[in-house]
Amino acid sequence: MGNYRRVLGLPGVRTLLVLMFASRIPIAATNMVLTLHVVLTLHRDYGAAGLVGAAGTVGVAIGAPLSGRLVDSFGLRTMVTITTVVYGAYWLTAWLLPYSWLLAAAFFGGVFALPVDRKSVG
């Protein structure tokens, strides 16, 4: 128990943990919103909703290393600008899309999702 107190006593650790926790909330909410949209609005089953969530997750897995390369090549500001514009466009249009287009858009939205890790928060 003493080690936790020692670590939490380091400067910036508590703030970092709070920011890391808070930055993960939109990621969890994304999958919930997409699930509810597919089931309640598009009148599909939960399997179809899971497929949309899986497409977004695969997109995030592919996009995170690409975002890292983008940061290395062009800087953090450029990467944040590009991901914000593309991901914002995705969320502005996702509710209008039929299921098949939503499936593809979820993948590309995941590719351009803003990566959240300790380096980008802290």
PDB file of N, CA and C in Angstrom:
ATOM      1  N   MET A   1       0.818  -1.188   0.000  1.00  0.00           N
ATOM      2  CA  MET A   1       0.000   0.000   0.000  1.00  0.00           C
ATOM      3  C   MET A   1       0.859   1.247   0.000  1.00  0.00           C
ATOM      4  N   GLY A   2       2.001   1.197   0.603  1.00  0.00           N
ATOM      5  CA  GLY A   2       2.878   2.351   0.674  1.00  0.00           C
ATOM      6  C   GLY A   2       3.416   2.767  -0.685  1.00  0.00           C
ATOM      7  N   ASN A   3       3.620   1.804  -1.596  1.00  0.00           N
ATOM      8  CA  ASN A   3       4.131   2.124  -2.929  1.00  0.00           C
ATOM      9  C   ASN A   3       3.145   2.979  -3.714  1.00  0.00           C
ATOM     10  N   TYR A   4       1.850   2.702  -3.565  1.00  0.00           N
ATOM     11  CA  TYR A   4       0.842   3.500  -4.270  1.00  0.00           C
ATOM     12  C   TYR A   4       0.871   4.949  -3.802  1.00  0.00           C
ATOM     13  N   ARG A   5       1.007   5.136  -2.515  1.00  0.00           N
ATOM     14  CA  ARG A   5       1.071   6.501  -1.988  1.00  0.00           C
ATOM     15  C   ARG A   5       2.299   7.227  -2.501  1.00  0.00           C
ATOM     16  N   ARG A   6       3.391   6.498  -2.602  1.00  0.00           N
ATOM     17  CA  ARG A   6       4.627   7.095  -3.085  1.00  0.00           C
ATOM     18  C   ARG A   6       4.485   7.511  -4.551  1.00  0.00           C
ATOM     19  N   VAL A   7       3.878   6.641  -5.350  1.00  0.00           N
ATOM     20  CA  VAL A   7       3.700   6.941  -6.775  1.00  0.00           C
ATOM     21  C   VAL A   7       2.708   8.077  -6.955  1.00  0.00           C
ATOM     22  N   LEU A   8       1.584   8.042  -6.244  1.00  0.00           N
ATOM     23  CA  LEU A   8       0.583   9.104  -6.365  1.00  0.00           C
ATOM     24  C   LEU A   8       1.093  10.434  -5.829  1.00  0.00           C
ATOM     25  N   GLY A   9       2.124  10.397  -5.012  1.00  0.00           N
ATOM     26  CA  GLY A   9       2.707  11.623  -4.485  1.00  0.00           C
ATOM     27  C   GLY A   9       3.656  12.318  -5.452  1.00  0.00           C
ATOM     28  N   LEU A  10       4.039  11.620  -6.533  1.00  0.00           N
ATOM     29  CA  LEU A  10       4.928  12.236  -7.519  1.00  0.00           C
ATOM     30  C   LEU A  10       4.203  13.367  -8.244  1.00  0.00           C
ATOM     31  N   PRO A  11       4.922  14.416  -8.579  1.00  0.00           N
ATOM     32  CA  PRO A  11       4.290  15.556  -9.249  1.00  0.00           C
ATOM     33  C   PRO A  11       3.687  15.157 -10.604  1.00  0.00           C
ATOM     34  N   GLY A  12       2.429  15.503 -10.806  1.00  0.00           N
ATOM     35  CA  GLY A  12       1.758  15.279 -12.074  1.00  0.00           C
ATOM     36  C   GLY A  12       1.113  13.923 -12.246  1.00  0.00           C
ATOM     37  N   VAL A  13       1.369  12.964 -11.355  1.00  0.00           N
ATOM     38  CA  VAL A  13       0.825  11.624 -11.529  1.00  0.00           C
ATOM     39  C   VAL A  13      -0.690  11.620 -11.343  1.00  0.00           C
ATOM     40  N   ARG A  14      -1.190  12.278 -10.339  1.00  0.00           N
ATOM     41  CA  ARG A  14      -2.641  12.318 -10.127  1.00  0.00           C
ATOM     42  C   ARG A  14      -3.345  12.983 -11.295  1.00  0.00           C
ATOM     43  N   THR A  15      -2.812  14.077 -11.767  1.00  0.00           N
ATOM     44  CA  THR A  15      -3.412  14.773 -12.911  1.00  0.00           C
ATOM     45  C   THR A  15      -3.405  13.886 -14.147  1.00  0.00           C
ATOM     46  N   LEU A  16      -2.302  13.194 -14.362  1.00  0.00           N
ATOM     47  CA  LEU A  16      -2.204  12.292 -15.501  1.00  0.00           C
ATOM     48  C   LEU A  16      -3.237  11.179 -15.407  1.00  0.00           C
ATOM     49  N   LEU A  17      -3.415  10.586 -14.239  1.00  0.00           N
ATOM     50  CA  LEU A  17      -4.396   9.517 -14.080  1.00  0.00           C
ATOM     51  C   LEU A  17      -5.819  10.012 -14.315  1.00  0.00           C
ATOM     52  N   VAL A  18      -6.130  11.200 -13.826  1.00  0.00           N
ATOM     53  CA  VAL A  18      -7.466  11.760 -14.047  1.00  0.00           C
ATOM     54  C   VAL A  18      -7.686  12.029 -15.532  1.00  0.00           C
ATOM     55  N   LEU A  19      -6.705  12.606 -16.208  1.00  0.00           N
ATOM     56  CA  LEU A  19      -6.830  12.872 -17.640  1.00  0.00           C
ATOM     57  C   LEU A  19      -6.931  11.584 -18.449  1.00  0.00           C
ATOM     58  N   MET A  20      -6.156  10.577 -18.086  1.00  0.00           N
ATOM     59  CA  MET A  20      -6.228   9.290 -18.786  1.00  0.00           C
ATOM     60  C   MET A  20      -7.609   8.669 -18.626  1.00  0.00           C
ATOM     61  N   PHE A  21      -8.160   8.729 -17.415  1.00  0.00           N
ATOM     62  CA  PHE A  21      -9.491   8.191 -17.176  1.00  0.00           C
ATOM     63  C   PHE A  21     -10.533   8.958 -17.974  1.00  0.00           C
ATOM     64  N   ALA A  22     -10.475  10.274 -17.920  1.00  0.00           N
ATOM     65  CA  ALA A  22     -11.467  11.106 -18.601  1.00  0.00           C
ATOM     66  C   ALA A  22     -11.368  10.982 -20.120  1.00  0.00           C
ATOM     67  N   SER A  23     -10.178  10.772 -20.640  1.00  0.00           N
ATOM     68  CA  SER A  23     -10.019  10.676 -22.086  1.00  0.00           C
ATOM     69  C   SER A  23     -10.532   9.358 -22.638  1.00  0.00           C
ATOM     70  N   ARG A  24     -10.715   8.366 -21.808  1.00  0.00           N
ATOM     71  CA  ARG A  24     -11.235   7.074 -22.250  1.00  0.00           C
ATOM     72  C   ARG A  24     -12.765   7.044 -22.282  1.00  0.00           C
ATOM     73  N   ILE A  25     -13.421   7.969 -21.638  1.00  0.00           N
ATOM     74  CA  ILE A  25     -14.886   7.983 -21.599  1.00  0.00           C
ATOM     75  C   ILE A  25     -15.485   8.122 -22.997  1.00  0.00           C
ATOM     76  N   PRO A  26     -15.025   9.046 -23.845  1.00  0.00           N
ATOM     77  CA  PRO A  26     -15.612   9.127 -25.186  1.00  0.00           C
ATOM     78  C   PRO A  26     -15.434   7.856 -26.009  1.00  0.00           C
ATOM     79  N   ILE A  27     -14.362   7.130 -25.794  1.00  0.00           N
ATOM     80  CA  ILE A  27     -14.142   5.894 -26.539  1.00  0.00           C
ATOM     81  C   ILE A  27     -15.208   4.870 -26.170  1.00  0.00           C
ATOM     82  N   ALA A  28     -15.494   4.732 -24.880  1.00  0.00           N
ATOM     83  CA  ALA A  28     -16.536   3.812 -24.449  1.00  0.00           C
ATOM     84  C   ALA A  28     -17.912   4.289 -24.905  1.00  0.00           C
ATOM     85  N   ALA A  29     -18.144   5.581 -24.845  1.00  0.00           N
ATOM     86  CA  ALA A  29     -19.439   6.129 -25.251  1.00  0.00           C
ATOM     87  C   ALA A  29     -19.667   5.952 -26.746  1.00  0.00           C
ATOM     88  N   THR A  30     -18.614   5.991 -27.529  1.00  0.00           N
ATOM     89  CA  THR A  30     -18.744   5.812 -28.974  1.00  0.00           C
ATOM     90  C   THR A  30     -19.398   4.484 -29.306  1.00  0.00           C
ATOM     91  N   ASN A  31     -18.909   3.417 -28.717  1.00  0.00           N
ATOM     92  CA  ASN A  31     -19.475   2.100 -28.996  1.00  0.00           C
ATOM     93  C   ASN A  31     -20.910   1.986 -28.502  1.00  0.00           C
ATOM     94  N   MET A  32     -21.222   2.588 -27.368  1.00  0.00           N
ATOM     95  CA  MET A  32     -22.599   2.546 -26.883  1.00  0.00           C
ATOM     96  C   MET A  32     -23.544   3.300 -27.807  1.00  0.00           C
ATOM     97  N   VAL A  33     -23.123   4.480 -28.250  1.00  0.00           N
ATOM     98  CA  VAL A  33     -23.963   5.285 -29.142  1.00  0.00           C
ATOM     99  C   VAL A  33     -24.185   4.558 -30.466  1.00  0.00           C
ATOM    100  N   LEU A  34     -23.123   3.992 -31.021  1.00  0.00           N
ATOM    101  CA  LEU A  34     -23.274   3.263 -32.279  1.00  0.00           C
ATOM    102  C   LEU A  34     -24.173   2.039 -32.116  1.00  0.00           C
ATOM    103  N   THR A  35     -24.043   1.325 -31.011  1.00  0.00           N
ATOM    104  CA  THR A  35     -24.898   0.171 -30.764  1.00  0.00           C
ATOM    105  C   THR A  35     -26.359   0.580 -30.688  1.00  0.00           C
ATOM    106  N   LEU A  36     -26.644   1.618 -29.922  1.00  0.00           N
ATOM    107  CA  LEU A  36     -28.024   2.076 -29.802  1.00  0.00           C
ATOM    108  C   LEU A  36     -28.564   2.595 -31.129  1.00  0.00           C
ATOM    109  N   HIS A  37     -27.737   3.268 -31.894  1.00  0.00           N
ATOM    110  CA  HIS A  37     -28.179   3.775 -33.196  1.00  0.00           C
ATOM    111  C   HIS A  37     -28.530   2.629 -34.139  1.00  0.00           C
ATOM    112  N   VAL A  38     -27.669   1.626 -34.210  1.00  0.00           N
ATOM    113  CA  VAL A  38     -27.917   0.507 -35.122  1.00  0.00           C
ATOM    114  C   VAL A  38     -29.162  -0.262 -34.697  1.00  0.00           C
ATOM    115  N   VAL A  39     -29.326  -0.511 -33.405  1.00  0.00           N
ATOM    116  CA  VAL A  39     -30.455  -1.311 -32.928  1.00  0.00           C
ATOM    117  C   VAL A  39     -31.757  -0.517 -32.961  1.00  0.00           C
ATOM    118  N   LEU A  40     -31.749   0.690 -32.458  1.00  0.00           N
ATOM    119  CA  LEU A  40     -32.999   1.433 -32.299  1.00  0.00           C
ATOM    120  C   LEU A  40     -33.390   2.247 -33.529  1.00  0.00           C
ATOM    121  N   THR A  41     -32.442   2.817 -34.216  1.00  0.00           N
ATOM    122  CA  THR A  41     -32.758   3.673 -35.359  1.00  0.00           C
ATOM    123  C   THR A  41     -32.772   2.896 -36.668  1.00  0.00           C
ATOM    124  N   LEU A  42     -31.770   2.054 -36.871  1.00  0.00           N
ATOM    125  CA  LEU A  42     -31.688   1.292 -38.116  1.00  0.00           C
ATOM    126  C   LEU A  42     -32.423  -0.040 -38.041  1.00  0.00           C
ATOM    127  N   HIS A  43     -32.932  -0.381 -36.868  1.00  0.00           N
ATOM    128  CA  HIS A  43     -33.729  -1.594 -36.647  1.00  0.00           C
ATOM    129  C   HIS A  43     -32.989  -2.868 -37.063  1.00  0.00           C
ATOM    130  N   ARG A  44     -31.733  -2.931 -36.666  1.00  0.00           N
ATOM    131  CA  ARG A  44     -30.920  -4.131 -36.879  1.00  0.00           C
ATOM    132  C   ARG A  44     -30.756  -4.827 -35.530  1.00  0.00           C
ATOM    133  N   ASP A  45     -30.153  -6.008 -35.553  1.00  0.00           N
ATOM    134  CA  ASP A  45     -29.946  -6.732 -34.296  1.00  0.00           C
ATOM    135  C   ASP A  45     -28.603  -6.356 -33.669  1.00  0.00           C
ATOM    136  N   TYR A  46     -28.360  -6.913 -32.488  1.00  0.00           N
ATOM    137  CA  TYR A  46     -27.135  -6.585 -31.768  1.00  0.00           C
ATOM    138  C   TYR A  46     -25.891  -7.146 -32.445  1.00  0.00           C
ATOM    139  N   GLY A  47     -26.048  -8.204 -33.226  1.00  0.00           N
ATOM    140  CA  GLY A  47     -24.914  -8.725 -33.991  1.00  0.00           C
ATOM    141  C   GLY A  47     -24.437  -7.713 -35.027  1.00  0.00           C
ATOM    142  N   ALA A  48     -25.393  -7.074 -35.694  1.00  0.00           N
ATOM    143  CA  ALA A  48     -25.043  -6.035 -36.666  1.00  0.00           C
ATOM    144  C   ALA A  48     -24.396  -4.846 -35.962  1.00  0.00           C
ATOM    145  N   ALA A  49     -24.897  -4.512 -34.787  1.00  0.00           N
ATOM    146  CA  ALA A  49     -24.298  -3.418 -34.020  1.00  0.00           C
ATOM    147  C   ALA A  49     -22.883  -3.773 -33.579  1.00  0.00           C
ATOM    148  N   GLY A  50     -22.677  -5.020 -33.200  1.00  0.00           N
ATOM    149  CA  GLY A  50     -21.335  -5.465 -32.824  1.00  0.00           C
ATOM    150  C   GLY A  50     -20.370  -5.417 -33.988  1.00  0.00           C
ATOM    151  N   LEU A  51     -20.881  -5.673 -35.180  1.00  0.00           N
ATOM    152  CA  LEU A  51     -20.036  -5.606 -36.364  1.00  0.00           C
ATOM    153  C   LEU A  51     -19.586  -4.175 -36.636  1.00  0.00           C
ATOM    154  N   VAL A  52     -20.463  -3.214 -36.418  1.00  0.00           N
ATOM    155  CA  VAL A  52     -20.079  -1.806 -36.573  1.00  0.00           C
ATOM    156  C   VAL A  52     -19.024  -1.438 -35.530  1.00  0.00           C
ATOM    157  N   GLY A  53     -19.228  -1.876 -34.289  1.00  0.00           N
ATOM    158  CA  GLY A  53     -18.241  -1.618 -33.241  1.00  0.00           C
ATOM    159  C   GLY A  53     -16.905  -2.268 -33.545  1.00  0.00           C
ATOM    160  N   ALA A  54     -16.963  -3.487 -34.088  1.00  0.00           N
ATOM    161  CA  ALA A  54     -15.717  -4.186 -34.440  1.00  0.00           C
ATOM    162  C   ALA A  54     -15.001  -3.480 -35.578  1.00  0.00           C
ATOM    163  N   ALA A  55     -15.748  -2.964 -36.542  1.00  0.00           N
ATOM    164  CA  ALA A  55     -15.125  -2.240 -37.653  1.00  0.00           C
ATOM    165  C   ALA A  55     -14.411  -0.991 -37.137  1.00  0.00           C
ATOM    166  N   GLY A  56     -15.042  -0.285 -36.206  1.00  0.00           N
ATOM    167  CA  GLY A  56     -14.401   0.884 -35.615  1.00  0.00           C
ATOM    168  C   GLY A  56     -13.164   0.522 -34.820  1.00  0.00           C
ATOM    169  N   THR A  57     -13.224  -0.602 -34.108  1.00  0.00           N
ATOM    170  CA  THR A  57     -12.080  -1.040 -33.312  1.00  0.00           C
ATOM    171  C   THR A  57     -10.907  -1.439 -34.199  1.00  0.00           C
ATOM    172  N   VAL A  58     -11.192  -2.139 -35.284  1.00  0.00           N
ATOM    173  CA  VAL A  58     -10.126  -2.501 -36.232  1.00  0.00           C
ATOM    174  C   VAL A  58      -9.535  -1.237 -36.855  1.00  0.00           C
ATOM    175  N   GLY A  59     -10.397  -0.269 -37.145  1.00  0.00           N
ATOM    176  CA  GLY A  59      -9.910   1.005 -37.676  1.00  0.00           C
ATOM    177  C   GLY A  59      -8.979   1.710 -36.711  1.00  0.00           C
ATOM    178  N   VAL A  60      -9.328   1.693 -35.424  1.00  0.00           N
ATOM    179  CA  VAL A  60      -8.463   2.308 -34.409  1.00  0.00           C
ATOM    180  C   VAL A  60      -7.127   1.566 -34.337  1.00  0.00           C
ATOM    181  N   ALA A  61      -7.172   0.236 -34.412  1.00  0.00           N
ATOM    182  CA  ALA A  61      -5.931  -0.546 -34.339  1.00  0.00           C
ATOM    183  C   ALA A  61      -5.020  -0.256 -35.524  1.00  0.00           C
ATOM    184  N   ILE A  62      -5.597  -0.005 -36.671  1.00  0.00           N
ATOM    185  CA  ILE A  62      -4.788   0.323 -37.852  1.00  0.00           C
ATOM    186  C   ILE A  62      -4.358   1.787 -37.818  1.00  0.00           C
ATOM    187  N   GLY A  63      -5.239   2.659 -37.351  1.00  0.00           N
ATOM    188  CA  GLY A  63      -4.971   4.090 -37.396  1.00  0.00           C
ATOM    189  C   GLY A  63      -3.999   4.604 -36.359  1.00  0.00           C
ATOM    190  N   ALA A  64      -3.894   3.937 -35.226  1.00  0.00           N
ATOM    191  CA  ALA A  64      -3.006   4.429 -34.161  1.00  0.00           C
ATOM    192  C   ALA A  64      -1.539   4.484 -34.608  1.00  0.00           C
ATOM    193  N   PRO A  65      -0.999   3.430 -35.224  1.00  0.00           N
ATOM    194  CA  PRO A  65       0.387   3.546 -35.696  1.00  0.00           C
ATOM    195  C   PRO A  65       0.543   4.584 -36.811  1.00  0.00           C
ATOM    196  N   LEU A  66      -0.497   4.710 -37.640  1.00  0.00           N
ATOM    197  CA  LEU A  66      -0.435   5.716 -38.697  1.00  0.00           C
ATOM    198  C   LEU A  66      -0.435   7.126 -38.108  1.00  0.00           C
ATOM    199  N   SER A  67      -1.195   7.324 -37.041  1.00  0.00           N
ATOM    200  CA  SER A  67      -1.181   8.621 -36.365  1.00  0.00           C
ATOM    201  C   SER A  67       0.192   8.918 -35.775  1.00  0.00           C
ATOM    202  N   GLY A  68       0.830   7.886 -35.240  1.00  0.00           N
ATOM    203  CA  GLY A  68       2.183   8.059 -34.713  1.00  0.00           C
ATOM    204  C   GLY A  68       3.159   8.475 -35.793  1.00  0.00           C
ATOM    205  N   ARG A  69       3.031   7.869 -36.969  1.00  0.00           N
ATOM    206  CA  ARG A  69       3.906   8.259 -38.081  1.00  0.00           C
ATOM    207  C   ARG A  69       3.603   9.672 -38.551  1.00  0.00           C
ATOM    208  N   LEU A  70       2.319  10.027 -38.519  1.00  0.00           N
ATOM    209  CA  LEU A  70       1.929  11.389 -38.900  1.00  0.00           C
ATOM    210  C   LEU A  70       2.524  12.413 -37.945  1.00  0.00           C
ATOM    211  N   VAL A  71       2.518  12.085 -36.651  1.00  0.00           N
ATOM    212  CA  VAL A  71       3.126  12.984 -35.663  1.00  0.00           C
ATOM    213  C   VAL A  71       4.625  13.101 -35.910  1.00  0.00           C
ATOM    214  N   ASP A  72       5.265  11.980 -36.170  1.00  0.00           N
ATOM    215  CA  ASP A  72       6.706  12.003 -36.418  1.00  0.00           C
ATOM    216  C   ASP A  72       7.058  12.805 -37.666  1.00  0.00           C
ATOM    217  N   SER A  73       6.223  12.717 -38.684  1.00  0.00           N
ATOM    218  CA  SER A  73       6.527  13.385 -39.954  1.00  0.00           C
ATOM    219  C   SER A  73       6.134  14.856 -39.974  1.00  0.00           C
ATOM    220  N   PHE A  74       4.934  15.171 -39.431  1.00  0.00           N
ATOM    221  CA  PHE A  74       4.394  16.518 -39.601  1.00  0.00           C
ATOM    222  C   PHE A  74       4.123  17.259 -38.298  1.00  0.00           C
ATOM    223  N   GLY A  75       4.212  16.580 -37.163  1.00  0.00           N
ATOM    224  CA  GLY A  75       4.000  17.236 -35.883  1.00  0.00           C
ATOM    225  C   GLY A  75       2.619  16.937 -35.295  1.00  0.00           C
ATOM    226  N   LEU A  76       2.526  17.157 -33.999  1.00  0.00           N
ATOM    227  CA  LEU A  76       1.302  16.853 -33.259  1.00  0.00           C
ATOM    228  C   LEU A  76       0.132  17.725 -33.702  1.00  0.00           C
ATOM    229  N   ARG A  77       0.390  18.987 -33.933  1.00  0.00           N
ATOM    230  CA  ARG A  77      -0.692  19.907 -34.313  1.00  0.00           C
ATOM    231  C   ARG A  77      -1.358  19.475 -35.618  1.00  0.00           C
ATOM    232  N   THR A  78      -0.582  19.062 -36.596  1.00  0.00           N
ATOM    233  CA  THR A  78      -1.134  18.603 -37.871  1.00  0.00           C
ATOM    234  C   THR A  78      -1.962  17.347 -37.683  1.00  0.00           C
ATOM    235  N   MET A  79      -1.458  16.397 -36.888  1.00  0.00           N
ATOM    236  CA  MET A  79      -2.187  15.159 -36.658  1.00  0.00           C
ATOM    237  C   MET A  79      -3.512  15.435 -35.953  1.00  0.00           C
ATOM    238  N   VAL A  80      -3.494  16.291 -34.930  1.00  0.00           N
ATOM    239  CA  VAL A  80      -4.720  16.606 -34.204  1.00  0.00           C
ATOM    240  C   VAL A  80      -5.715  17.326 -35.117  1.00  0.00           C
ATOM    241  N   THR A  81      -5.244  18.205 -35.968  1.00  0.00           N
ATOM    242  CA  THR A  81      -6.126  18.904 -36.903  1.00  0.00           C
ATOM    243  C   THR A  81      -6.785  17.933 -37.881  1.00  0.00           C
ATOM    244  N   ILE A  82      -5.991  17.055 -38.472  1.00  0.00           N
ATOM    245  CA  ILE A  82      -6.530  16.098 -39.437  1.00  0.00           C
ATOM    246  C   ILE A  82      -7.524  15.152 -38.770  1.00  0.00           C
ATOM    247  N   THR A  83      -7.165  14.576 -37.647  1.00  0.00           N
ATOM    248  CA  THR A  83      -8.068  13.632 -36.984  1.00  0.00           C
ATOM    249  C   THR A  83      -9.332  14.318 -36.485  1.00  0.00           C
ATOM    250  N   THR A  84      -9.229  15.550 -36.032  1.00  0.00           N
ATOM    251  CA  THR A  84     -10.413  16.265 -35.559  1.00  0.00           C
ATOM    252  C   THR A  84     -11.371  16.551 -36.706  1.00  0.00           C
ATOM    253  N   VAL A  85     -10.856  16.990 -37.834  1.00  0.00           N
ATOM    254  CA  VAL A  85     -11.714  17.297 -38.982  1.00  0.00           C
ATOM    255  C   VAL A  85     -12.386  16.033 -39.519  1.00  0.00           C
ATOM    256  N   VAL A  86     -11.611  14.976 -39.724  1.00  0.00           N
ATOM    257  CA  VAL A  86     -12.171  13.750 -40.292  1.00  0.00           C
ATOM    258  C   VAL A  86     -13.134  13.084 -39.308  1.00  0.00           C
ATOM    259  N   TYR A  87     -12.744  12.985 -38.049  1.00  0.00           N
ATOM    260  CA  TYR A  87     -13.607  12.342 -37.060  1.00  0.00           C
ATOM    261  C   TYR A  87     -14.860  13.179 -36.811  1.00  0.00           C
ATOM    262  N   GLY A  88     -14.723  14.490 -36.852  1.00  0.00           N
ATOM    263  CA  GLY A  88     -15.897  15.353 -36.720  1.00  0.00           C
ATOM    264  C   GLY A  88     -16.858  15.178 -37.884  1.00  0.00           C
ATOM    265  N   ALA A  89     -16.326  15.078 -39.094  1.00  0.00           N
ATOM    266  CA  ALA A  89     -17.165  14.837 -40.272  1.00  0.00           C
ATOM    267  C   ALA A  89     -17.864  13.484 -40.166  1.00  0.00           C
ATOM    268  N   TYR A  90     -17.155  12.502 -39.641  1.00  0.00           N
ATOM    269  CA  TYR A  90     -17.754  11.176 -39.446  1.00  0.00           C
ATOM    270  C   TYR A  90     -18.952  11.264 -38.504  1.00  0.00           C
ATOM    271  N   TRP A  91     -18.792  11.927 -37.386  1.00  0.00           N
ATOM    272  CA  TRP A  91     -19.892  12.004 -36.423  1.00  0.00           C
ATOM    273  C   TRP A  91     -21.022  12.905 -36.903  1.00  0.00           C
ATOM    274  N   LEU A  92     -20.719  13.885 -37.727  1.00  0.00           N
ATOM    275  CA  LEU A  92     -21.780  14.733 -38.269  1.00  0.00           C
ATOM    276  C   LEU A  92     -22.634  14.008 -39.300  1.00  0.00           C
ATOM    277  N   THR A  93     -22.075  13.001 -39.961  1.00  0.00           N
ATOM    278  CA  THR A  93     -22.806  12.298 -41.009  1.00  0.00           C
ATOM    279  C   THR A  93     -23.219  10.875 -40.647  1.00  0.00           C
ATOM    280  N   ALA A  94     -22.703  10.305 -39.580  1.00  0.00           N
ATOM    281  CA  ALA A  94     -22.962   8.896 -39.260  1.00  0.00           C
ATOM    282  C   ALA A  94     -24.450   8.601 -39.081  1.00  0.00           C
ATOM    283  N   TRP A  95     -25.181   9.499 -38.509  1.00  0.00           N
ATOM    284  CA  TRP A  95     -26.594   9.242 -38.252  1.00  0.00           C
ATOM    285  C   TRP A  95     -27.431   9.237 -39.532  1.00  0.00           C
ATOM    286  N   LEU A  96     -26.893   9.784 -40.624  1.00  0.00           N
ATOM    287  CA  LEU A  96     -27.614   9.825 -41.893  1.00  0.00           C
ATOM    288  C   LEU A  96     -27.380   8.586 -42.757  1.00  0.00           C
ATOM    289  N   LEU A  97     -26.362   7.818 -42.445  1.00  0.00           N
ATOM    290  CA  LEU A  97     -25.916   6.737 -43.321  1.00  0.00           C
ATOM    291  C   LEU A  97     -26.752   5.474 -43.152  1.00  0.00           C
ATOM    292  N   PRO A  98     -26.999   4.763 -44.256  1.00  0.00           N
ATOM    293  CA  PRO A  98     -27.591   3.427 -44.131  1.00  0.00           C
ATOM    294  C   PRO A  98     -26.558   2.471 -43.522  1.00  0.00           C
ATOM    295  N   TYR A  99     -27.012   1.291 -43.133  1.00  0.00           N
ATOM    296  CA  TYR A  99     -26.152   0.379 -42.379  1.00  0.00           C
ATOM    297  C   TYR A  99     -24.855   0.039 -43.108  1.00  0.00           C
ATOM    298  N   SER A 100     -24.921  -0.299 -44.381  1.00  0.00           N
ATOM    299  CA  SER A 100     -23.707  -0.721 -45.098  1.00  0.00           C
ATOM    300  C   SER A 100     -22.688   0.417 -45.166  1.00  0.00           C
ATOM    301  N   TRP A 101     -23.149   1.634 -45.356  1.00  0.00           N
ATOM    302  CA  TRP A 101     -22.241   2.775 -45.387  1.00  0.00           C
ATOM    303  C   TRP A 101     -21.711   3.078 -43.995  1.00  0.00           C
ATOM    304  N   LEU A 102     -22.560   2.889 -42.987  1.00  0.00           N
ATOM    305  CA  LEU A 102     -22.132   3.116 -41.607  1.00  0.00           C
ATOM    306  C   LEU A 102     -21.022   2.151 -41.223  1.00  0.00           C
ATOM    307  N   LEU A 103     -21.120   0.928 -41.700  1.00  0.00           N
ATOM    308  CA  LEU A 103     -20.087  -0.071 -41.427  1.00  0.00           C
ATOM    309  C   LEU A 103     -18.728   0.397 -41.972  1.00  0.00           C
ATOM    310  N   ALA A 104     -18.715   0.882 -43.203  1.00  0.00           N
ATOM    311  CA  ALA A 104     -17.468   1.384 -43.791  1.00  0.00           C
ATOM    312  C   ALA A 104     -17.023   2.677 -43.103  1.00  0.00           C
ATOM    313  N   ALA A 105     -17.969   3.549 -42.795  1.00  0.00           N
ATOM    314  CA  ALA A 105     -17.622   4.815 -42.149  1.00  0.00           C
ATOM    315  C   ALA A 105     -17.068   4.584 -40.746  1.00  0.00           C
ATOM    316  N   ALA A 106     -17.578   3.575 -40.043  1.00  0.00           N
ATOM    317  CA  ALA A 106     -17.063   3.267 -38.706  1.00  0.00           C
ATOM    318  C   ALA A 106     -15.598   2.846 -38.787  1.00  0.00           C
ATOM    319  N   PHE A 107     -15.260   2.079 -39.811  1.00  0.00           N
ATOM    320  CA  PHE A 107     -13.861   1.688 -39.996  1.00  0.00           C
ATOM    321  C   PHE A 107     -12.982   2.914 -40.243  1.00  0.00           C
ATOM    322  N   PHE A 108     -13.372   3.746 -41.195  1.00  0.00           N
ATOM    323  CA  PHE A 108     -12.562   4.925 -41.512  1.00  0.00           C
ATOM    324  C   PHE A 108     -12.588   5.949 -40.381  1.00  0.00           C
ATOM    325  N   GLY A 109     -13.704   6.031 -39.663  1.00  0.00           N
ATOM    326  CA  GLY A 109     -13.741   6.885 -38.482  1.00  0.00           C
ATOM    327  C   GLY A 109     -12.771   6.406 -37.422  1.00  0.00           C
ATOM    328  N   GLY A 110     -12.670   5.088 -37.273  1.00  0.00           N
ATOM    329  CA  GLY A 110     -11.703   4.526 -36.334  1.00  0.00           C
ATOM    330  C   GLY A 110     -10.271   4.794 -36.742  1.00  0.00           C
ATOM    331  N   VAL A 111     -10.010   4.732 -38.042  1.00  0.00           N
ATOM    332  CA  VAL A 111      -8.657   5.013 -38.528  1.00  0.00           C
ATOM    333  C   VAL A 111      -8.242   6.437 -38.165  1.00  0.00           C
ATOM    334  N   PHE A 112      -9.200   7.364 -38.229  1.00  0.00           N
ATOM    335  CA  PHE A 112      -8.883   8.762 -37.960  1.00  0.00           C
ATOM    336  C   PHE A 112      -9.295   9.218 -36.564  1.00  0.00           C
ATOM    337  N   ALA A 113      -9.562   8.270 -35.678  1.00  0.00           N
ATOM    338  CA  ALA A 113      -9.869   8.638 -34.297  1.00  0.00           C
ATOM    339  C   ALA A 113      -8.614   9.182 -33.620  1.00  0.00           C
ATOM    340  N   LEU A 114      -8.804  10.147 -32.771  1.00  0.00           N
ATOM    341  CA  LEU A 114      -7.676  10.740 -32.059  1.00  0.00           C
ATOM    342  C   LEU A 114      -7.110   9.713 -31.085  1.00  0.00           C
ATOM    343  N   PRO A 115      -5.848   9.330 -31.241  1.00  0.00           N
ATOM    344  CA  PRO A 115      -5.287   8.325 -30.341  1.00  0.00           C
ATOM    345  C   PRO A 115      -5.118   8.892 -28.938  1.00  0.00           C
ATOM    346  N   VAL A 116      -5.402   8.064 -27.958  1.00  0.00           N
ATOM    347  CA  VAL A 116      -5.297   8.487 -26.565  1.00  0.00           C
ATOM    348  C   VAL A 116      -4.343   7.540 -25.858  1.00  0.00           C
ATOM    349  N   ASP A 117      -3.212   8.076 -25.445  1.00  0.00           N
ATOM    350  CA  ASP A 117      -2.265   7.318 -24.633  1.00  0.00           C
ATOM    351  C   ASP A 117      -1.572   8.298 -23.711  1.00  0.00           C
ATOM    352  N   ARG A 118      -0.688   7.780 -22.922  1.00  0.00           N
ATOM    353  CA  ARG A 118      -0.043   8.633 -21.928  1.00  0.00           C
ATOM    354  C   ARG A 118       0.828   9.705 -22.567  1.00  0.00           C
ATOM    355  N   LYS A 119       1.332   9.478 -23.767  1.00  0.00           N
ATOM    356  CA  LYS A 119       2.187  10.468 -24.424  1.00  0.00           C
ATOM    357  C   LYS A 119       1.370  11.643 -24.944  1.00  0.00           C
ATOM    358  N   SER A 120       0.143  11.365 -25.447  1.00  0.00           N
ATOM    359  CA  SER A 120      -0.645  12.462 -25.983  1.00  0.00           C
ATOM    360  C   SER A 120      -1.377  13.236 -24.895  1.00  0.00           C
ATOM    361  N   VAL A 121      -1.567  12.628 -23.722  1.00  0.00           N
ATOM    362  CA  VAL A 121      -2.265  13.313 -22.629  1.00  0.00           C
ATOM    363  C   VAL A 121      -1.282  14.030 -21.727  1.00  0.00           C
ATOM    364  N   GLY A 122      -0.166  13.377 -21.409  1.00  0.00           N
ATOM    365  CA  GLY A 122       0.749  13.934 -20.424  1.00  0.00           C
ATOM    366  C   GLY A 122       1.809  14.811 -20.961  1.00  0.00           C
TER     367      GLY A 122
END
